[in-house]
Amino acid sequence: MTTTPSSHVVPAAKPGRPSRQSPRRRPRLSADLLAELANRLTARDRWLLHMLYEHRVLTTVQIAQLAYGAGTTAAHRLQRLWQLRAVDRQQPLVERGSAPMHYVLGDAGAAVLAAHHDITVHELGYRRDTAIGILHSAKIAHTVGVNSILAALVAHARRHPDTRLIAWWPERRCTQLWGDLARPDAYAHWRDGDTRVEFFLEYDTGSEPVHRLVKKLADYADLAHATGATTPVLFWFPTPAREANARTALRDAPIPVATAAPEPGNADPASQLWQPVGDQSRRRLAALDRLSRTSATDDLARPPGLLEQAPWAVPVAPMPPPTR
């Protein structure tokens, strides 16, 4: 899992975004503010707060892909949620052009989530300084890049009702489950019609030596042996050149591996971008089901320990609730 910043994310239409200066100052966190927020939140708003809690940071682009479709609609709703302290935000400085706004869970949003589960914010594990800290972390570009794959798959499923992203567990959750064996950037469960595929994602920014990518595969082989389930590892590379270089090193992988890189005009991870190691053909994501030796179902297996004791920590569904 790389941590060096990278500018590569799955492209999407550039949405509208609020200006750097808010037209009015935000109120302080108070009981009155929480009551107002609770009354104004929609089911989709609450789902978004859970997504920010789970995935730490999402951009305006990604939130539009996940929940709204139209960037302007997302920006307007996020402005209101920011005003009510449900979310916090920052627009990173970049050398060229402008970056989308980055959003994290706000203190009022965390209070609403905690109240929903009848626990305290402390029990929820939320600290505002920690939530905002990701915006200044060296890992932010990598985290945003991983989440760009999540958002692109959900956007594909929203356009194609016969597909669905059933599960997406981020790095933190994967580390809780399998960190003593392997540390994927994400675990996902994708459905396309009657075909299902589970996979681990490795999001490569191009900063790691290729031999370190190869070394990770031994850890995944240990995980497959320990669990009795062979789950393919999918590498997403920033460029076709980086992918070609890595494929040479990955040719003797001890577990099923497929690779992809965005092509001009196509960065949809559900499309025919994936090339299994040892195969000359590009395949759609769903066609990688033959690489997996698991029995995927719609019922998400609950990780042991913490999740059995903490219902609020059950993974949030990556698909948004329907609008009414």
C-alpha atoms as a PDB file:
ATOM      1  CA  MET A   1       0.000   0.000   0.000  1.00  0.00           C
ATOM      2  CA  THR A   2       1.718   3.128  -1.196  1.00  0.00           C
ATOM      3  CA  THR A   3       1.553   6.422   0.593  1.00  0.00           C
ATOM      4  CA  THR A   4       3.342   8.854  -1.690  1.00  0.00           C
ATOM      5  CA  PRO A   5       0.977  11.512  -3.047  1.00  0.00           C
ATOM      6  CA  SER A   6      -0.152  11.089  -6.625  1.00  0.00           C
ATOM      7  CA  SER A   7      -2.386  13.209  -8.774  1.00  0.00           C
ATOM      8  CA  HIS A   8      -4.011  10.199 -10.462  1.00  0.00           C
ATOM      9  CA  VAL A   9      -7.620   9.470  -9.678  1.00  0.00           C
ATOM     10  CA  VAL A  10     -10.346   8.010 -11.825  1.00  0.00           C
ATOM     11  CA  PRO A  11     -11.481  10.920 -14.015  1.00  0.00           C
ATOM     12  CA  ALA A  12     -15.000  12.236 -13.758  1.00  0.00           C
ATOM     13  CA  ALA A  13     -16.929  15.243 -14.913  1.00  0.00           C
ATOM     14  CA  LYS A  14     -15.764  18.350 -13.067  1.00  0.00           C
ATOM     15  CA  PRO A  15     -18.553  19.324 -10.692  1.00  0.00           C
ATOM     16  CA  GLY A  16     -19.517  22.678  -9.336  1.00  0.00           C
ATOM     17  CA  ARG A  17     -18.063  23.465  -5.959  1.00  0.00           C
ATOM     18  CA  PRO A  18     -18.512  26.126  -3.335  1.00  0.00           C
ATOM     19  CA  SER A  19     -16.148  29.057  -3.210  1.00  0.00           C
ATOM     20  CA  ARG A  20     -13.321  29.121  -0.704  1.00  0.00           C
ATOM     21  CA  GLN A  21     -15.167  31.738   1.333  1.00  0.00           C
ATOM     22  CA  SER A  22     -18.504  30.801   2.830  1.00  0.00           C
ATOM     23  CA  PRO A  23     -21.180  33.499   2.593  1.00  0.00           C
ATOM     24  CA  ARG A  24     -21.660  33.272   6.364  1.00  0.00           C
ATOM     25  CA  ARG A  25     -19.812  31.828   9.304  1.00  0.00           C
ATOM     26  CA  ARG A  26     -20.740  28.428  10.627  1.00  0.00           C
ATOM     27  CA  PRO A  27     -22.475  28.241  14.008  1.00  0.00           C
ATOM     28  CA  ARG A  28     -20.784  26.596  16.956  1.00  0.00           C
ATOM     29  CA  LEU A  29     -21.636  23.026  17.855  1.00  0.00           C
ATOM     30  CA  SER A  30     -24.655  23.131  20.159  1.00  0.00           C
ATOM     31  CA  ALA A  31     -27.790  21.214  21.086  1.00  0.00           C
ATOM     32  CA  ASP A  32     -29.852  23.569  18.924  1.00  0.00           C
ATOM     33  CA  LEU A  33     -27.597  22.979  15.933  1.00  0.00           C
ATOM     34  CA  LEU A  34     -27.783  19.199  16.379  1.00  0.00           C
ATOM     35  CA  ALA A  35     -31.564  19.351  16.584  1.00  0.00           C
ATOM     36  CA  GLU A  36     -31.710  21.392  13.379  1.00  0.00           C
ATOM     37  CA  LEU A  37     -29.304  19.028  11.622  1.00  0.00           C
ATOM     38  CA  ALA A  38     -31.238  15.936  12.690  1.00  0.00           C
ATOM     39  CA  ASN A  39     -34.434  17.445  11.275  1.00  0.00           C
ATOM     40  CA  ARG A  40     -32.848  18.391   7.963  1.00  0.00           C
ATOM     41  CA  LEU A  41     -30.923  15.204   7.179  1.00  0.00           C
ATOM     42  CA  THR A  42     -32.293  12.933   4.482  1.00  0.00           C
ATOM     43  CA  ALA A  43     -31.660   9.184   4.346  1.00  0.00           C
ATOM     44  CA  ARG A  44     -29.038   9.837   1.684  1.00  0.00           C
ATOM     45  CA  ASP A  45     -27.362  12.456   3.878  1.00  0.00           C
ATOM     46  CA  ARG A  46     -27.104   9.974   6.747  1.00  0.00           C
ATOM     47  CA  TRP A  47     -25.695   7.349   4.394  1.00  0.00           C
ATOM     48  CA  LEU A  48     -23.100   9.869   3.208  1.00  0.00           C
ATOM     49  CA  LEU A  49     -22.064  10.597   6.796  1.00  0.00           C
ATOM     50  CA  HIS A  50     -21.606   6.862   7.351  1.00  0.00           C
ATOM     51  CA  MET A  51     -19.529   6.696   4.157  1.00  0.00           C
ATOM     52  CA  LEU A  52     -17.276   9.511   5.365  1.00  0.00           C
ATOM     53  CA  TYR A  53     -16.902   7.760   8.716  1.00  0.00           C
ATOM     54  CA  GLU A  54     -15.965   4.523   6.939  1.00  0.00           C
ATOM     55  CA  HIS A  55     -13.802   5.848   4.094  1.00  0.00           C
ATOM     56  CA  ARG A  56     -12.362   8.939   5.825  1.00  0.00           C
ATOM     57  CA  VAL A  57     -12.231  11.374   2.886  1.00  0.00           C
ATOM     58  CA  LEU A  58     -14.220  11.833  -0.315  1.00  0.00           C
ATOM     59  CA  THR A  59     -13.998  14.565  -2.934  1.00  0.00           C
ATOM     60  CA  THR A  60     -16.893  16.484  -4.459  1.00  0.00           C
ATOM     61  CA  VAL A  61     -16.311  14.499  -7.654  1.00  0.00           C
ATOM     62  CA  GLN A  62     -16.562  11.195  -5.817  1.00  0.00           C
ATOM     63  CA  ILE A  63     -19.617  12.209  -3.781  1.00  0.00           C
ATOM     64  CA  ALA A  64     -21.348  13.249  -7.005  1.00  0.00           C
ATOM     65  CA  GLN A  65     -20.531   9.846  -8.528  1.00  0.00           C
ATOM     66  CA  LEU A  66     -21.649   8.008  -5.406  1.00  0.00           C
ATOM     67  CA  ALA A  67     -24.905   9.737  -4.657  1.00  0.00           C
ATOM     68  CA  TYR A  68     -25.996  12.591  -6.879  1.00  0.00           C
ATOM     69  CA  GLY A  69     -24.866  12.197 -10.479  1.00  0.00           C
ATOM     70  CA  ALA A  70     -24.811  15.935 -11.079  1.00  0.00           C
ATOM     71  CA  GLY A  71     -21.824  17.768  -9.634  1.00  0.00           C
ATOM     72  CA  THR A  72     -23.763  20.970  -9.058  1.00  0.00           C
ATOM     73  CA  THR A  73     -26.392  19.116  -7.033  1.00  0.00           C
ATOM     74  CA  ALA A  74     -23.673  17.512  -4.907  1.00  0.00           C
ATOM     75  CA  ALA A  75     -21.888  20.830  -4.342  1.00  0.00           C
ATOM     76  CA  HIS A  76     -25.074  22.583  -3.228  1.00  0.00           C
ATOM     77  CA  ARG A  77     -26.021  19.831  -0.800  1.00  0.00           C
ATOM     78  CA  LEU A  78     -22.498  19.617   0.581  1.00  0.00           C
ATOM     79  CA  GLN A  79     -22.465  23.364   1.145  1.00  0.00           C
ATOM     80  CA  ARG A  80     -25.538  23.017   3.349  1.00  0.00           C
ATOM     81  CA  LEU A  81     -24.091  20.043   5.220  1.00  0.00           C
ATOM     82  CA  TRP A  82     -20.882  22.005   5.781  1.00  0.00           C
ATOM     83  CA  GLN A  83     -22.842  24.988   7.082  1.00  0.00           C
ATOM     84  CA  LEU A  84     -24.505  22.687   9.623  1.00  0.00           C
ATOM     85  CA  ARG A  85     -21.111  21.182  10.602  1.00  0.00           C
ATOM     86  CA  ALA A  86     -22.114  17.728   9.376  1.00  0.00           C
ATOM     87  CA  VAL A  87     -18.949  17.709   7.255  1.00  0.00           C
ATOM     88  CA  ASP A  88     -15.625  19.517   7.188  1.00  0.00           C
ATOM     89  CA  ARG A  89     -13.780  20.352   4.002  1.00  0.00           C
ATOM     90  CA  GLN A  90     -10.596  21.597   2.406  1.00  0.00           C
ATOM     91  CA  GLN A  91      -9.557  22.366  -1.144  1.00  0.00           C
ATOM     92  CA  PRO A  92      -5.925  21.289  -1.628  1.00  0.00           C
ATOM     93  CA  LEU A  93      -3.520  23.520  -3.488  1.00  0.00           C
ATOM     94  CA  VAL A  94      -2.141  22.008  -6.697  1.00  0.00           C
ATOM     95  CA  GLU A  95       0.524  23.202  -9.095  1.00  0.00           C
ATOM     96  CA  ARG A  96      -1.835  23.414 -12.056  1.00  0.00           C
ATOM     97  CA  GLY A  97      -5.547  24.024 -12.265  1.00  0.00           C
ATOM     98  CA  SER A  98      -7.654  23.462  -9.172  1.00  0.00           C
ATOM     99  CA  ALA A  99      -8.407  20.408  -7.057  1.00  0.00           C
ATOM    100  CA  PRO A 100     -11.921  19.384  -6.014  1.00  0.00           C
ATOM    101  CA  MET A 101     -13.021  20.034  -2.471  1.00  0.00           C
ATOM    102  CA  HIS A 102     -12.158  17.203  -0.065  1.00  0.00           C
ATOM    103  CA  TYR A 103     -14.710  16.288   2.618  1.00  0.00           C
ATOM    104  CA  VAL A 104     -14.418  14.499   5.961  1.00  0.00           C
ATOM    105  CA  LEU A 105     -16.931  13.815   8.718  1.00  0.00           C
ATOM    106  CA  GLY A 106     -17.681  16.900  10.821  1.00  0.00           C
ATOM    107  CA  ASP A 107     -18.282  17.085  14.567  1.00  0.00           C
ATOM    108  CA  ALA A 108     -22.036  17.563  14.229  1.00  0.00           C
ATOM    109  CA  GLY A 109     -22.208  14.701  11.722  1.00  0.00           C
ATOM    110  CA  ALA A 110     -20.361  12.440  14.152  1.00  0.00           C
ATOM    111  CA  ALA A 111     -22.746  13.440  16.952  1.00  0.00           C
ATOM    112  CA  VAL A 112     -25.728  12.522  14.788  1.00  0.00           C
ATOM    113  CA  LEU A 113     -24.213   9.138  13.902  1.00  0.00           C
ATOM    114  CA  ALA A 114     -23.455   8.432  17.558  1.00  0.00           C
ATOM    115  CA  ALA A 115     -26.974   9.397  18.638  1.00  0.00           C
ATOM    116  CA  HIS A 116     -28.434   7.180  15.924  1.00  0.00           C
ATOM    117  CA  HIS A 117     -26.639   4.194  17.489  1.00  0.00           C
ATOM    118  CA  ASP A 118     -27.307   5.340  21.063  1.00  0.00           C
ATOM    119  CA  ILE A 119     -23.618   5.703  21.875  1.00  0.00           C
ATOM    120  CA  THR A 120     -21.275   8.590  22.625  1.00  0.00           C
ATOM    121  CA  VAL A 121     -19.003  10.267  20.088  1.00  0.00           C
ATOM    122  CA  HIS A 122     -16.090   8.854  22.064  1.00  0.00           C
ATOM    123  CA  GLU A 123     -17.465   5.325  21.688  1.00  0.00           C
ATOM    124  CA  LEU A 124     -17.865   5.993  17.981  1.00  0.00           C
ATOM    125  CA  GLY A 125     -14.112   6.575  17.889  1.00  0.00           C
ATOM    126  CA  TYR A 126     -14.405  10.039  16.345  1.00  0.00           C
ATOM    127  CA  ARG A 127     -12.014  12.890  16.995  1.00  0.00           C
ATOM    128  CA  ARG A 128     -12.312  16.013  14.880  1.00  0.00           C
ATOM    129  CA  ASP A 129      -8.560  16.635  14.832  1.00  0.00           C
ATOM    130  CA  THR A 130      -7.982  13.079  13.605  1.00  0.00           C
ATOM    131  CA  ALA A 131     -10.705  13.372  10.956  1.00  0.00           C
ATOM    132  CA  ILE A 132      -9.274  16.636   9.657  1.00  0.00           C
ATOM    133  CA  GLY A 133      -5.742  15.281   9.958  1.00  0.00           C
ATOM    134  CA  ILE A 134      -6.203  13.034   6.911  1.00  0.00           C
ATOM    135  CA  LEU A 135      -6.471  16.224   4.832  1.00  0.00           C
ATOM    136  CA  HIS A 136      -2.844  16.987   5.721  1.00  0.00           C
ATOM    137  CA  SER A 137      -1.561  13.430   5.644  1.00  0.00           C
ATOM    138  CA  ALA A 138       1.031  12.119   3.216  1.00  0.00           C
ATOM    139  CA  LYS A 139      -1.459   9.288   2.532  1.00  0.00           C
ATOM    140  CA  ILE A 140      -4.293  11.494   1.326  1.00  0.00           C
ATOM    141  CA  ALA A 141      -3.587  11.119  -2.402  1.00  0.00           C
ATOM    142  CA  HIS A 142      -3.431   7.344  -2.044  1.00  0.00           C
ATOM    143  CA  THR A 143      -6.633   7.233   0.030  1.00  0.00           C
ATOM    144  CA  VAL A 144      -8.430   9.473  -2.466  1.00  0.00           C
ATOM    145  CA  GLY A 145      -7.135   7.290  -5.299  1.00  0.00           C
ATOM    146  CA  VAL A 146      -8.495   4.114  -3.702  1.00  0.00           C
ATOM    147  CA  ASN A 147     -11.822   5.835  -3.121  1.00  0.00           C
ATOM    148  CA  SER A 148     -11.910   6.909  -6.769  1.00  0.00           C
ATOM    149  CA  ILE A 149     -12.209   3.223  -7.729  1.00  0.00           C
ATOM    150  CA  LEU A 150     -15.029   2.800  -5.212  1.00  0.00           C
ATOM    151  CA  ALA A 151     -16.846   5.849  -6.591  1.00  0.00           C
ATOM    152  CA  ALA A 152     -16.386   4.787 -10.203  1.00  0.00           C
ATOM    153  CA  LEU A 153     -17.849   1.328  -9.540  1.00  0.00           C
ATOM    154  CA  VAL A 154     -20.861   2.800  -7.755  1.00  0.00           C
ATOM    155  CA  ALA A 155     -21.330   5.294 -10.601  1.00  0.00           C
ATOM    156  CA  HIS A 156     -21.262   2.395 -13.086  1.00  0.00           C
ATOM    157  CA  ALA A 157     -23.831   0.482 -11.043  1.00  0.00           C
ATOM    158  CA  ARG A 158     -26.102   3.522 -10.846  1.00  0.00           C
ATOM    159  CA  ARG A 159     -26.050   3.713 -14.653  1.00  0.00           C
ATOM    160  CA  HIS A 160     -26.465  -0.062 -15.113  1.00  0.00           C
ATOM    161  CA  PRO A 161     -29.122  -1.503 -12.765  1.00  0.00           C
ATOM    162  CA  ASP A 162     -28.029  -5.083 -13.510  1.00  0.00           C
ATOM    163  CA  THR A 163     -24.743  -4.414 -11.702  1.00  0.00           C
ATOM    164  CA  ARG A 164     -24.111  -3.663  -8.052  1.00  0.00           C
ATOM    165  CA  LEU A 165     -21.217  -3.065  -5.697  1.00  0.00           C
ATOM    166  CA  ILE A 166     -22.285  -5.242  -2.784  1.00  0.00           C
ATOM    167  CA  ALA A 167     -19.359  -4.557  -0.468  1.00  0.00           C
ATOM    168  CA  TRP A 168     -16.327  -2.309  -0.237  1.00  0.00           C
ATOM    169  CA  TRP A 169     -14.130  -2.517   2.838  1.00  0.00           C
ATOM    170  CA  PRO A 170     -11.370   0.099   3.144  1.00  0.00           C
ATOM    171  CA  GLU A 171      -7.805  -0.434   4.296  1.00  0.00           C
ATOM    172  CA  ARG A 172      -8.574   0.162   7.982  1.00  0.00           C
ATOM    173  CA  ARG A 173     -11.222  -2.559   8.067  1.00  0.00           C
ATOM    174  CA  CYS A 174      -9.062  -4.965   6.076  1.00  0.00           C
ATOM    175  CA  THR A 175      -6.204  -4.386   8.502  1.00  0.00           C
ATOM    176  CA  GLN A 176      -8.481  -5.203  11.450  1.00  0.00           C
ATOM    177  CA  LEU A 177      -9.416  -8.470   9.776  1.00  0.00           C
ATOM    178  CA  TRP A 178      -6.287  -9.689   8.040  1.00  0.00           C
ATOM    179  CA  GLY A 179      -3.485  -7.315   9.030  1.00  0.00           C
ATOM    180  CA  ASP A 180      -1.340 -10.052  10.529  1.00  0.00           C
ATOM    181  CA  LEU A 181      -1.281 -11.744   7.101  1.00  0.00           C
ATOM    182  CA  ALA A 182      -2.015  -9.210   4.340  1.00  0.00           C
ATOM    183  CA  ARG A 183      -2.978  -5.544   4.117  1.00  0.00           C
ATOM    184  CA  PRO A 184      -5.002  -4.818   0.975  1.00  0.00           C
ATOM    185  CA  ASP A 185      -6.026  -1.289   0.077  1.00  0.00           C
ATOM    186  CA  ALA A 186      -9.601  -2.543  -0.176  1.00  0.00           C
ATOM    187  CA  TYR A 187     -11.747  -5.656  -0.382  1.00  0.00           C
ATOM    188  CA  ALA A 188     -14.697  -5.592  -2.779  1.00  0.00           C
ATOM    189  CA  HIS A 189     -17.619  -7.763  -3.855  1.00  0.00           C
ATOM    190  CA  TRP A 190     -19.024  -6.955  -7.321  1.00  0.00           C
ATOM    191  CA  ARG A 191     -22.122  -8.356  -9.000  1.00  0.00           C
ATOM    192  CA  ASP A 192     -22.943  -8.192 -12.690  1.00  0.00           C
ATOM    193  CA  GLY A 193     -26.183 -10.002 -13.475  1.00  0.00           C
ATOM    194  CA  ASP A 194     -25.766 -13.525 -12.104  1.00  0.00           C
ATOM    195  CA  THR A 195     -21.978 -13.229 -11.978  1.00  0.00           C
ATOM    196  CA  ARG A 196     -20.193 -12.302  -8.775  1.00  0.00           C
ATOM    197  CA  VAL A 197     -16.557 -11.618  -8.079  1.00  0.00           C
ATOM    198  CA  GLU A 198     -14.702 -10.811  -4.883  1.00  0.00           C
ATOM    199  CA  PHE A 199     -11.264  -9.232  -5.003  1.00  0.00           C
ATOM    200  CA  PHE A 200      -8.555  -7.415  -3.099  1.00  0.00           C
ATOM    201  CA  LEU A 201      -7.415  -4.092  -4.532  1.00  0.00           C
ATOM    202  CA  GLU A 202      -3.856  -2.816  -4.646  1.00  0.00           C
ATOM    203  CA  TYR A 203      -3.844   0.809  -5.793  1.00  0.00           C
ATOM    204  CA  ASP A 204      -0.400   1.641  -7.131  1.00  0.00           C
ATOM    205  CA  THR A 205       0.827   5.218  -7.466  1.00  0.00           C
ATOM    206  CA  GLY A 206       4.092   4.255  -9.140  1.00  0.00           C
ATOM    207  CA  SER A 207       6.211   5.178  -6.142  1.00  0.00           C
ATOM    208  CA  GLU A 208       7.090   1.678  -4.904  1.00  0.00           C
ATOM    209  CA  PRO A 209       9.774  -0.498  -6.502  1.00  0.00           C
ATOM    210  CA  VAL A 210       8.141  -3.301  -8.452  1.00  0.00           C
ATOM    211  CA  HIS A 211       9.850  -5.942  -6.312  1.00  0.00           C
ATOM    212  CA  ARG A 212       7.846  -4.693  -3.304  1.00  0.00           C
ATOM    213  CA  LEU A 213       4.617  -5.359  -5.196  1.00  0.00           C
ATOM    214  CA  VAL A 214       5.782  -8.907  -5.858  1.00  0.00           C
ATOM    215  CA  LYS A 215       6.669  -9.396  -2.201  1.00  0.00           C
ATOM    216  CA  LYS A 216       3.078  -8.593  -1.191  1.00  0.00           C
ATOM    217  CA  LEU A 217       1.800 -11.610  -3.116  1.00  0.00           C
ATOM    218  CA  ALA A 218       3.413 -14.021  -0.678  1.00  0.00           C
ATOM    219  CA  ASP A 219       1.332 -12.404   2.073  1.00  0.00           C
ATOM    220  CA  TYR A 220      -1.836 -12.893   0.032  1.00  0.00           C
ATOM    221  CA  ALA A 221      -0.894 -16.525  -0.537  1.00  0.00           C
ATOM    222  CA  ASP A 222      -0.560 -16.944   3.242  1.00  0.00           C
ATOM    223  CA  LEU A 223      -4.001 -15.355   3.670  1.00  0.00           C
ATOM    224  CA  ALA A 224      -5.534 -17.719   1.110  1.00  0.00           C
ATOM    225  CA  HIS A 225      -4.007 -20.698   2.919  1.00  0.00           C
ATOM    226  CA  ALA A 226      -5.267 -19.483   6.318  1.00  0.00           C
ATOM    227  CA  THR A 227      -8.825 -18.769   5.153  1.00  0.00           C
ATOM    228  CA  GLY A 228      -9.232 -21.525   2.595  1.00  0.00           C
ATOM    229  CA  ALA A 229     -10.500 -18.962   0.070  1.00  0.00           C
ATOM    230  CA  THR A 230      -8.500 -17.825  -2.938  1.00  0.00           C
ATOM    231  CA  THR A 231      -9.395 -14.216  -3.688  1.00  0.00           C
ATOM    232  CA  PRO A 232      -7.741 -12.557  -6.700  1.00  0.00           C
ATOM    233  CA  VAL A 233      -5.584  -9.486  -6.202  1.00  0.00           C
ATOM    234  CA  LEU A 234      -6.267  -6.673  -8.648  1.00  0.00           C
ATOM    235  CA  PHE A 235      -3.565  -4.069  -9.253  1.00  0.00           C
ATOM    236  CA  TRP A 236      -4.642  -0.664 -10.548  1.00  0.00           C
ATOM    237  CA  PHE A 237      -1.666   1.171 -12.085  1.00  0.00           C
ATOM    238  CA  PRO A 238      -1.391   4.864 -12.945  1.00  0.00           C
ATOM    239  CA  THR A 239      -0.146   4.314 -16.528  1.00  0.00           C
ATOM    240  CA  PRO A 240       0.029   1.512 -19.105  1.00  0.00           C
ATOM    241  CA  ALA A 241       3.833   1.742 -19.022  1.00  0.00           C
ATOM    242  CA  ARG A 242       3.934   1.123 -15.274  1.00  0.00           C
ATOM    243  CA  GLU A 243       1.493  -1.771 -15.722  1.00  0.00           C
ATOM    244  CA  ALA A 244       3.613  -3.384 -18.443  1.00  0.00           C
ATOM    245  CA  ASN A 245       6.735  -3.136 -16.298  1.00  0.00           C
ATOM    246  CA  ALA A 246       4.977  -4.650 -13.278  1.00  0.00           C
ATOM    247  CA  ARG A 247       3.389  -7.500 -15.242  1.00  0.00           C
ATOM    248  CA  THR A 248       6.813  -8.850 -16.114  1.00  0.00           C
ATOM    249  CA  ALA A 249       7.658  -9.096 -12.430  1.00  0.00           C
ATOM    250  CA  LEU A 250       4.249 -10.510 -11.492  1.00  0.00           C
ATOM    251  CA  ARG A 251       4.317 -13.358 -14.011  1.00  0.00           C
ATOM    252  CA  ASP A 252       5.088 -16.013 -11.375  1.00  0.00           C
ATOM    253  CA  ALA A 253       2.435 -14.854  -8.890  1.00  0.00           C
ATOM    254  CA  PRO A 254       1.454 -17.612  -6.416  1.00  0.00           C
ATOM    255  CA  ILE A 255      -2.187 -16.464  -6.454  1.00  0.00           C
ATOM    256  CA  PRO A 256      -4.520 -15.132  -9.172  1.00  0.00           C
ATOM    257  CA  VAL A 257      -3.601 -11.583 -10.215  1.00  0.00           C
ATOM    258  CA  ALA A 258      -5.049  -9.193 -12.772  1.00  0.00           C
ATOM    259  CA  THR A 259      -3.848  -5.722 -13.697  1.00  0.00           C
ATOM    260  CA  ALA A 260      -5.357  -2.601 -15.225  1.00  0.00           C
ATOM    261  CA  ALA A 261      -4.499   0.991 -16.032  1.00  0.00           C
ATOM    262  CA  PRO A 262      -6.718   3.792 -17.301  1.00  0.00           C
ATOM    263  CA  GLU A 263      -6.896   4.154 -21.056  1.00  0.00           C
ATOM    264  CA  PRO A 264      -7.588   7.366 -22.994  1.00  0.00           C
ATOM    265  CA  GLY A 265     -11.305   7.988 -22.621  1.00  0.00           C
ATOM    266  CA  ASN A 266     -11.874   4.983 -20.358  1.00  0.00           C
ATOM    267  CA  ALA A 267     -11.090   4.695 -16.657  1.00  0.00           C
ATOM    268  CA  ASP A 268     -14.151   2.643 -15.697  1.00  0.00           C
ATOM    269  CA  PRO A 269     -12.908  -0.225 -13.495  1.00  0.00           C
ATOM    270  CA  ALA A 270     -15.994  -2.289 -14.362  1.00  0.00           C
ATOM    271  CA  SER A 271     -15.119  -2.265 -18.065  1.00  0.00           C
ATOM    272  CA  GLN A 272     -12.799  -4.361 -20.211  1.00  0.00           C
ATOM    273  CA  LEU A 273      -9.554  -3.076 -18.701  1.00  0.00           C
ATOM    274  CA  TRP A 274      -8.414  -6.064 -16.641  1.00  0.00           C
ATOM    275  CA  GLN A 275      -5.735  -8.444 -17.882  1.00  0.00           C
ATOM    276  CA  PRO A 276      -5.072 -11.559 -15.803  1.00  0.00           C
ATOM    277  CA  VAL A 277      -1.413 -12.463 -15.416  1.00  0.00           C
ATOM    278  CA  GLY A 278      -0.614 -15.139 -18.001  1.00  0.00           C
ATOM    279  CA  ASP A 279      -3.474 -14.009 -20.257  1.00  0.00           C
ATOM    280  CA  GLN A 280      -3.197 -11.876 -23.388  1.00  0.00           C
ATOM    281  CA  SER A 281      -6.798 -10.640 -23.307  1.00  0.00           C
ATOM    282  CA  ARG A 282      -8.424  -7.757 -21.485  1.00  0.00           C
ATOM    283  CA  ARG A 283     -11.576  -8.664 -19.589  1.00  0.00           C
ATOM    284  CA  ARG A 284     -14.429  -6.943 -17.822  1.00  0.00           C
ATOM    285  CA  LEU A 285     -14.346  -6.965 -14.044  1.00  0.00           C
ATOM    286  CA  ALA A 286     -17.164  -9.512 -13.827  1.00  0.00           C
ATOM    287  CA  ALA A 287     -15.242 -11.895 -16.101  1.00  0.00           C
ATOM    288  CA  LEU A 288     -12.577 -12.236 -13.408  1.00  0.00           C
ATOM    289  CA  ASP A 289     -14.927 -14.482 -11.425  1.00  0.00           C
ATOM    290  CA  ARG A 290     -13.068 -17.496 -12.816  1.00  0.00           C
ATOM    291  CA  LEU A 291      -9.994 -16.391 -10.852  1.00  0.00           C
ATOM    292  CA  SER A 292     -11.802 -16.674  -7.528  1.00  0.00           C
ATOM    293  CA  ARG A 293     -12.353 -19.827  -5.533  1.00  0.00           C
ATOM    294  CA  THR A 294     -14.878 -18.493  -3.036  1.00  0.00           C
ATOM    295  CA  SER A 295     -18.630 -18.702  -2.599  1.00  0.00           C
ATOM    296  CA  ALA A 296     -19.771 -15.073  -2.693  1.00  0.00           C
ATOM    297  CA  THR A 297     -23.227 -14.247  -1.421  1.00  0.00           C
ATOM    298  CA  ASP A 298     -25.140 -11.083  -0.675  1.00  0.00           C
ATOM    299  CA  ASP A 299     -24.802 -11.758   3.059  1.00  0.00           C
ATOM    300  CA  LEU A 300     -21.736  -9.921   4.284  1.00  0.00           C
ATOM    301  CA  ALA A 301     -19.694 -12.009   6.671  1.00  0.00           C
ATOM    302  CA  ARG A 302     -19.194 -10.085   9.870  1.00  0.00           C
ATOM    303  CA  PRO A 303     -15.582  -9.841  10.974  1.00  0.00           C
ATOM    304  CA  PRO A 304     -14.925 -11.333  14.414  1.00  0.00           C
ATOM    305  CA  GLY A 305     -14.515  -9.511  17.700  1.00  0.00           C
ATOM    306  CA  LEU A 306     -15.203  -5.801  17.474  1.00  0.00           C
ATOM    307  CA  LEU A 307     -17.918  -5.909  14.851  1.00  0.00           C
ATOM    308  CA  GLU A 308     -19.893  -8.518  16.752  1.00  0.00           C
ATOM    309  CA  GLN A 309     -19.889  -6.182  19.767  1.00  0.00           C
ATOM    310  CA  ALA A 310     -20.336  -2.900  17.918  1.00  0.00           C
ATOM    311  CA  PRO A 311     -23.315  -2.797  15.535  1.00  0.00           C
ATOM    312  CA  TRP A 312     -22.393   0.736  14.402  1.00  0.00           C
ATOM    313  CA  ALA A 313     -19.121  -0.660  13.021  1.00  0.00           C
ATOM    314  CA  VAL A 314     -20.804  -2.975  10.518  1.00  0.00           C
ATOM    315  CA  PRO A 315     -19.651  -1.954   7.007  1.00  0.00           C
ATOM    316  CA  VAL A 316     -21.872   0.638   5.374  1.00  0.00           C
ATOM    317  CA  ALA A 317     -23.502  -0.417   2.104  1.00  0.00           C
ATOM    318  CA  PRO A 318     -21.518   1.280  -0.698  1.00  0.00           C
ATOM    319  CA  MET A 319     -24.640   1.887  -2.798  1.00  0.00           C
ATOM    320  CA  PRO A 320     -26.761   4.884  -1.760  1.00  0.00           C
ATOM    321  CA  PRO A 321     -30.337   4.450  -0.533  1.00  0.00           C
ATOM    322  CA  PRO A 322     -33.014   5.183  -3.127  1.00  0.00           C
ATOM    323  CA  THR A 323     -34.420   8.695  -3.279  1.00  0.00           C
ATOM    324  CA  ARG A 324     -38.096   9.150  -2.560  1.00  0.00           C
END
